[in-house]
Protein backbone atom coordinates (compact mmCIF):
# COMPACT_ATOMS: atom_id res chain seq x y z
CA MET A 1 0.00 0.00 0.00
CA ALA A 2 1.11 3.54 -0.62
CA GLU A 3 2.00 5.67 2.36
CA GLY A 4 -0.89 7.62 3.79
CA SER A 5 -3.50 6.01 1.56
CA SER A 6 -5.18 4.08 4.35
CA LYS A 7 -4.27 4.63 7.97
CA ARG A 8 -5.40 1.99 10.40
CA ARG A 9 -6.54 3.16 13.78
CA GLN A 10 -4.48 1.69 16.60
CA ARG A 11 -6.43 -0.83 18.65
CA ARG A 12 -7.86 0.79 21.75
CA SER A 13 -9.24 -0.73 24.92
CA PHE A 14 -12.14 0.61 26.94
CA THR A 15 -13.20 0.21 30.54
CA ASP A 16 -16.37 -1.64 31.45
CA GLU A 17 -17.82 1.66 32.70
CA PHE A 18 -17.22 3.32 29.33
CA LYS A 19 -18.87 0.44 27.50
CA ALA A 20 -21.81 0.51 29.91
CA GLY A 21 -22.24 4.22 29.23
CA ALA A 22 -22.30 3.66 25.47
CA ILE A 23 -24.77 0.80 25.89
CA ARG A 24 -26.97 2.96 28.13
CA LEU A 25 -27.10 5.66 25.43
CA VAL A 26 -28.43 3.14 22.92
CA LEU A 27 -30.73 0.98 25.03
CA ASP A 28 -32.01 3.40 27.66
CA GLU A 29 -31.85 6.78 25.95
CA GLY A 30 -32.89 5.62 22.49
CA LYS A 31 -29.94 6.94 20.50
CA THR A 32 -28.94 5.04 17.39
CA ILE A 33 -25.77 2.97 17.19
CA PRO A 34 -24.26 5.13 14.42
CA GLN A 35 -25.02 8.29 16.39
CA VAL A 36 -23.37 6.95 19.57
CA ALA A 37 -20.38 5.71 17.57
CA ARG A 38 -19.89 9.15 16.01
CA ASP A 39 -20.35 11.00 19.30
CA LEU A 40 -17.84 8.81 21.15
CA ASP A 41 -15.40 8.39 18.22
CA LEU A 42 -15.93 4.63 18.03
CA THR A 43 -16.58 2.19 15.25
CA GLU A 44 -20.19 1.18 14.69
CA SER A 45 -19.25 -2.48 14.84
CA SER A 46 -17.79 -2.08 18.34
CA VAL A 47 -20.87 -0.35 19.68
CA ARG A 48 -23.14 -2.87 17.94
CA THR A 49 -21.24 -5.79 19.50
CA TRP A 50 -21.46 -4.25 22.98
CA VAL A 51 -25.19 -3.57 22.57
CA GLU A 52 -25.93 -7.11 21.32
CA ARG A 53 -24.08 -8.61 24.30
CA ALA A 54 -25.97 -6.33 26.68
CA ARG A 55 -29.30 -7.31 25.14
CA ALA A 56 -28.43 -10.99 25.53
CA ASP A 57 -27.42 -10.42 29.16
CA ARG A 58 -30.73 -8.67 29.77
CA GLY A 59 -32.61 -11.62 28.26
CA LYS A 60 -33.73 -9.67 25.20
CA GLY A 61 -31.17 -10.91 22.70
CA LYS A 62 -31.60 -12.91 19.54
CA PRO A 63 -32.39 -16.60 20.00
CA GLY A 64 -29.23 -18.66 20.30
CA VAL A 65 -27.04 -15.78 21.48
CA LEU A 66 -25.21 -16.71 24.67
CA THR A 67 -25.13 -14.45 27.69
CA THR A 68 -21.79 -13.46 29.19
CA ALA A 69 -22.29 -15.94 32.03
CA GLU A 70 -23.07 -18.72 29.55
CA LYS A 71 -19.96 -17.88 27.52
CA GLU A 72 -17.81 -18.04 30.65
CA GLU A 73 -19.36 -21.38 31.65
CA LEU A 74 -18.84 -22.76 28.14
CA ALA A 75 -15.17 -21.73 28.18
CA ALA A 76 -14.68 -23.37 31.60
CA LEU A 77 -16.37 -26.57 30.44
CA ARG A 78 -14.26 -26.72 27.27
CA LYS A 79 -11.11 -26.29 29.36
CA GLU A 80 -12.25 -29.10 31.67
CA VAL A 81 -12.99 -31.39 28.70
CA ARG A 82 -9.48 -30.76 27.31
CA GLN A 83 -7.96 -31.64 30.69
CA LEU A 84 -10.05 -34.79 31.07
CA ARG A 85 -9.16 -35.96 27.56
CA LEU A 86 -5.48 -35.42 28.31
CA GLU A 87 -5.76 -37.42 31.53
CA ARG A 88 -7.70 -40.19 29.74
CA ASP A 89 -5.04 -40.44 27.03
CA ILE A 90 -2.29 -40.69 29.66
CA LEU A 91 -4.17 -43.47 31.44
CA LYS A 92 -4.71 -45.35 28.16
CA LYS A 93 -0.99 -45.22 27.42
CA ALA A 94 -0.12 -46.33 30.95
CA ALA A 95 -2.58 -49.23 30.77
CA ALA A 96 -1.14 -50.33 27.42
CA PHE A 97 2.39 -50.08 28.81
CA PHE A 98 1.61 -52.22 31.87
CA ALA A 99 -0.37 -54.73 29.82
CA LYS A 100 2.65 -55.11 27.53
CA GLU A 101 4.98 -55.52 30.54
CA ASN A 102 2.84 -58.31 32.02
CA SER A 103 2.65 -60.26 28.76
């Protein structure tokens, strides 16, 4: 790409309080997502993602969208499944080793 033709904005991080404020503007005060994004110098996609998560957490999201608590539980369960599979594989190898030794 040529210099200066397309500058990418550096990735920023926002506090939970800031996100909650942006969400409140959309859900409670009735402002549109593009309007809030412009006012706060954010991308529309960021605000839209925050609002969709908030709606799901409030029980008003689209069907099939997981709440934050459900996402956290799913991540913990997946981690536990990985650990259990690892332990199972170790036990299988140990059982095969000892069966071979006793033969």
